[in-house]
């Protein structure tokens, strides 16, 4: 069995998704592999508390929406 490499997330990102090994997905009867080594959302400047709250609000809405869509199917 092959071992997956370490992910790319450092812990200082606004959002980081790292899936270093392919994931098998079946979509409409088709077997697919998702390879997503790294998606990062960072800011060059320090964020204000208001900006952080705004980002958290948007991300919460997106994540809540995903959960609702998955649960309803």
N, C-alpha and C. Protein backbone atom coordinates (compact mmCIF):
# COMPACT_ATOMS: atom_id res chain seq x y z
N UNK A 1 0.84 -1.18 0.00
CA UNK A 1 0.00 0.00 0.00
C UNK A 1 0.89 1.24 0.00
N UNK A 2 0.62 2.18 -0.92
CA UNK A 2 1.43 3.39 -0.98
C UNK A 2 0.98 4.38 0.08
N UNK A 3 1.92 5.21 0.51
CA UNK A 3 1.64 6.18 1.56
C UNK A 3 1.41 7.55 0.94
N UNK A 4 0.47 8.30 1.48
CA UNK A 4 0.17 9.64 0.98
C UNK A 4 1.22 10.63 1.45
N UNK A 5 1.55 11.61 0.62
CA UNK A 5 2.48 12.66 1.07
C UNK A 5 1.79 13.55 2.10
N UNK A 6 2.57 14.34 2.82
CA UNK A 6 2.01 15.29 3.78
C UNK A 6 1.17 16.32 3.04
N UNK A 7 0.18 16.85 3.71
CA UNK A 7 -0.64 17.90 3.14
C UNK A 7 0.12 19.21 3.09
N UNK A 8 -0.47 20.21 2.45
CA UNK A 8 0.21 21.49 2.26
C UNK A 8 -0.19 22.54 3.30
N UNK A 9 -1.19 22.28 4.13
CA UNK A 9 -1.68 23.30 5.07
C UNK A 9 -0.66 23.57 6.17
N UNK A 10 -0.46 24.86 6.45
CA UNK A 10 0.50 25.28 7.47
C UNK A 10 -0.19 25.67 8.77
N UNK A 11 -1.49 26.00 8.70
CA UNK A 11 -2.22 26.40 9.89
C UNK A 11 -2.42 27.89 10.03
N UNK A 12 -1.82 28.69 9.15
CA UNK A 12 -1.96 30.14 9.23
C UNK A 12 -2.84 30.70 8.10
N UNK A 13 -3.49 29.81 7.35
CA UNK A 13 -4.34 30.23 6.25
C UNK A 13 -5.74 30.57 6.76
N UNK A 14 -6.47 31.36 5.98
CA UNK A 14 -7.87 31.63 6.29
C UNK A 14 -8.65 30.34 6.07
N UNK A 15 -8.35 29.66 4.98
CA UNK A 15 -8.96 28.37 4.66
C UNK A 15 -7.95 27.56 3.88
N UNK A 16 -7.79 26.31 4.22
CA UNK A 16 -6.88 25.44 3.49
C UNK A 16 -7.50 24.06 3.39
N UNK A 17 -7.58 23.53 2.18
CA UNK A 17 -8.08 22.19 1.94
C UNK A 17 -6.97 21.42 1.24
N UNK A 18 -6.55 20.33 1.84
CA UNK A 18 -5.48 19.53 1.26
C UNK A 18 -5.91 18.06 1.27
N UNK A 19 -6.01 17.49 0.09
CA UNK A 19 -6.32 16.07 -0.06
C UNK A 19 -5.18 15.50 -0.91
N UNK A 20 -4.07 15.12 -0.27
CA UNK A 20 -2.88 14.73 -1.02
C UNK A 20 -3.00 13.41 -1.78
N UNK A 21 -3.93 12.56 -1.41
CA UNK A 21 -4.14 11.30 -2.13
C UNK A 21 -5.47 11.35 -2.87
N UNK A 22 -5.54 10.74 -4.04
CA UNK A 22 -6.80 10.75 -4.79
C UNK A 22 -7.92 10.08 -4.01
N UNK A 23 -9.12 10.60 -4.19
CA UNK A 23 -10.33 10.04 -3.59
C UNK A 23 -11.19 9.47 -4.71
N UNK A 24 -11.68 8.27 -4.54
CA UNK A 24 -12.56 7.66 -5.53
C UNK A 24 -13.99 8.13 -5.29
N UNK A 25 -14.64 8.56 -6.37
CA UNK A 25 -16.01 9.04 -6.31
C UNK A 25 -16.80 8.37 -7.43
N UNK A 26 -18.02 7.98 -7.14
CA UNK A 26 -18.92 7.49 -8.18
C UNK A 26 -19.99 8.55 -8.37
N UNK A 27 -20.09 9.10 -9.57
CA UNK A 27 -21.05 10.14 -9.89
C UNK A 27 -21.84 9.70 -11.10
N UNK A 28 -23.13 9.53 -10.93
CA UNK A 28 -24.00 9.08 -12.01
C UNK A 28 -23.51 7.79 -12.65
N UNK A 29 -22.99 6.90 -11.83
CA UNK A 29 -22.52 5.61 -12.32
C UNK A 29 -21.11 5.63 -12.90
N UNK A 30 -20.48 6.79 -12.93
CA UNK A 30 -19.11 6.89 -13.46
C UNK A 30 -18.13 6.90 -12.30
N UNK A 31 -17.11 6.06 -12.37
CA UNK A 31 -16.09 6.06 -11.34
C UNK A 31 -15.05 7.13 -11.67
N UNK A 32 -14.87 8.06 -10.75
CA UNK A 32 -13.95 9.18 -10.94
C UNK A 32 -12.95 9.24 -9.80
N UNK A 33 -11.84 9.89 -10.05
CA UNK A 33 -10.85 10.15 -9.00
C UNK A 33 -10.68 11.65 -8.85
N UNK A 34 -10.82 12.14 -7.62
CA UNK A 34 -10.62 13.55 -7.30
C UNK A 34 -9.22 13.71 -6.75
N UNK A 35 -8.42 14.53 -7.41
CA UNK A 35 -7.07 14.84 -6.93
C UNK A 35 -7.02 16.33 -6.65
N UNK A 36 -6.89 16.67 -5.39
CA UNK A 36 -6.93 18.06 -4.95
C UNK A 36 -5.76 18.30 -3.99
N UNK A 37 -4.55 18.50 -4.54
CA UNK A 37 -3.40 18.60 -3.65
C UNK A 37 -3.48 19.77 -2.67
N UNK A 38 -4.01 20.92 -3.11
CA UNK A 38 -4.06 22.04 -2.18
C UNK A 38 -4.88 23.21 -2.73
N UNK A 39 -5.77 23.71 -1.90
CA UNK A 39 -6.46 24.98 -2.17
C UNK A 39 -6.27 25.82 -0.92
N UNK A 40 -5.73 27.02 -1.10
CA UNK A 40 -5.47 27.91 0.03
C UNK A 40 -6.13 29.26 -0.19
N UNK A 41 -6.64 29.82 0.90
CA UNK A 41 -7.17 31.18 0.90
C UNK A 41 -6.36 31.94 1.94
N UNK A 42 -5.56 32.90 1.48
CA UNK A 42 -4.72 33.67 2.39
C UNK A 42 -4.90 35.17 2.11
N UNK A 43 -4.43 35.99 3.01
CA UNK A 43 -4.47 37.44 2.85
C UNK A 43 -3.04 37.97 2.99
N UNK A 44 -2.67 38.93 2.14
CA UNK A 44 -1.33 39.50 2.20
C UNK A 44 -1.16 40.42 3.41
N UNK A 45 -2.23 41.11 3.80
CA UNK A 45 -2.19 42.01 4.94
C UNK A 45 -2.97 41.40 6.10
N UNK A 46 -2.72 41.91 7.29
CA UNK A 46 -3.48 41.45 8.45
C UNK A 46 -4.94 41.85 8.30
N UNK A 47 -5.82 40.96 8.71
CA UNK A 47 -7.25 41.23 8.61
C UNK A 47 -7.75 41.90 9.88
N UNK A 48 -8.73 42.79 9.71
CA UNK A 48 -9.36 43.43 10.87
C UNK A 48 -10.37 42.44 11.46
N UNK A 49 -10.74 42.64 12.72
CA UNK A 49 -11.76 41.76 13.30
C UNK A 49 -13.07 41.75 12.49
N UNK A 50 -13.45 42.89 11.92
CA UNK A 50 -14.67 42.96 11.11
C UNK A 50 -14.53 42.12 9.84
N UNK A 51 -13.35 42.16 9.20
CA UNK A 51 -13.11 41.35 8.01
C UNK A 51 -13.13 39.86 8.35
N UNK A 52 -12.53 39.50 9.47
CA UNK A 52 -12.52 38.10 9.90
C UNK A 52 -13.95 37.62 10.14
N UNK A 53 -14.75 38.43 10.80
CA UNK A 53 -16.15 38.07 11.06
C UNK A 53 -16.93 37.92 9.77
N UNK A 54 -16.66 38.80 8.80
CA UNK A 54 -17.35 38.73 7.51
C UNK A 54 -16.99 37.44 6.78
N UNK A 55 -15.71 37.07 6.79
CA UNK A 55 -15.26 35.83 6.14
C UNK A 55 -15.88 34.62 6.83
N UNK A 56 -15.89 34.61 8.16
CA UNK A 56 -16.49 33.50 8.90
C UNK A 56 -17.97 33.36 8.60
N UNK A 57 -18.66 34.47 8.46
CA UNK A 57 -20.09 34.45 8.14
C UNK A 57 -20.33 33.83 6.77
N UNK A 58 -19.53 34.24 5.79
CA UNK A 58 -19.67 33.69 4.43
C UNK A 58 -19.36 32.20 4.42
N UNK A 59 -18.26 31.81 5.06
CA UNK A 59 -17.88 30.39 5.10
C UNK A 59 -18.92 29.55 5.83
N UNK A 60 -19.47 30.08 6.91
CA UNK A 60 -20.52 29.36 7.64
C UNK A 60 -21.74 29.14 6.76
N UNK A 61 -22.09 30.14 5.99
CA UNK A 61 -23.22 30.02 5.06
C UNK A 61 -22.98 28.97 4.00
N UNK A 62 -21.77 28.96 3.45
CA UNK A 62 -21.42 27.98 2.42
C UNK A 62 -21.44 26.57 3.00
N UNK A 63 -20.81 26.39 4.14
CA UNK A 63 -20.74 25.07 4.76
C UNK A 63 -22.14 24.61 5.18
N UNK A 64 -22.95 25.50 5.72
CA UNK A 64 -24.32 25.16 6.10
C UNK A 64 -25.14 24.76 4.89
N UNK A 65 -24.94 25.46 3.79
CA UNK A 65 -25.63 25.16 2.55
C UNK A 65 -25.26 23.78 2.03
N UNK A 66 -23.98 23.46 2.08
CA UNK A 66 -23.53 22.14 1.64
C UNK A 66 -24.16 21.05 2.49
N UNK A 67 -24.17 21.25 3.80
CA UNK A 67 -24.75 20.27 4.70
C UNK A 67 -26.23 20.08 4.44
N UNK A 68 -26.96 21.17 4.19
CA UNK A 68 -28.38 21.09 3.91
C UNK A 68 -28.65 20.36 2.60
N UNK A 69 -27.86 20.67 1.57
CA UNK A 69 -28.04 20.02 0.27
C UNK A 69 -27.74 18.53 0.35
N UNK A 70 -26.71 18.16 1.07
CA UNK A 70 -26.34 16.74 1.20
C UNK A 70 -27.41 15.99 2.01
N UNK A 71 -27.91 16.60 3.07
CA UNK A 71 -28.91 15.95 3.93
C UNK A 71 -30.24 15.78 3.21
N UNK A 72 -30.56 16.69 2.29
CA UNK A 72 -31.86 16.60 1.62
C UNK A 72 -31.87 15.58 0.49
N UNK A 73 -30.72 15.07 0.10
CA UNK A 73 -30.68 14.11 -1.01
C UNK A 73 -30.82 12.71 -0.58
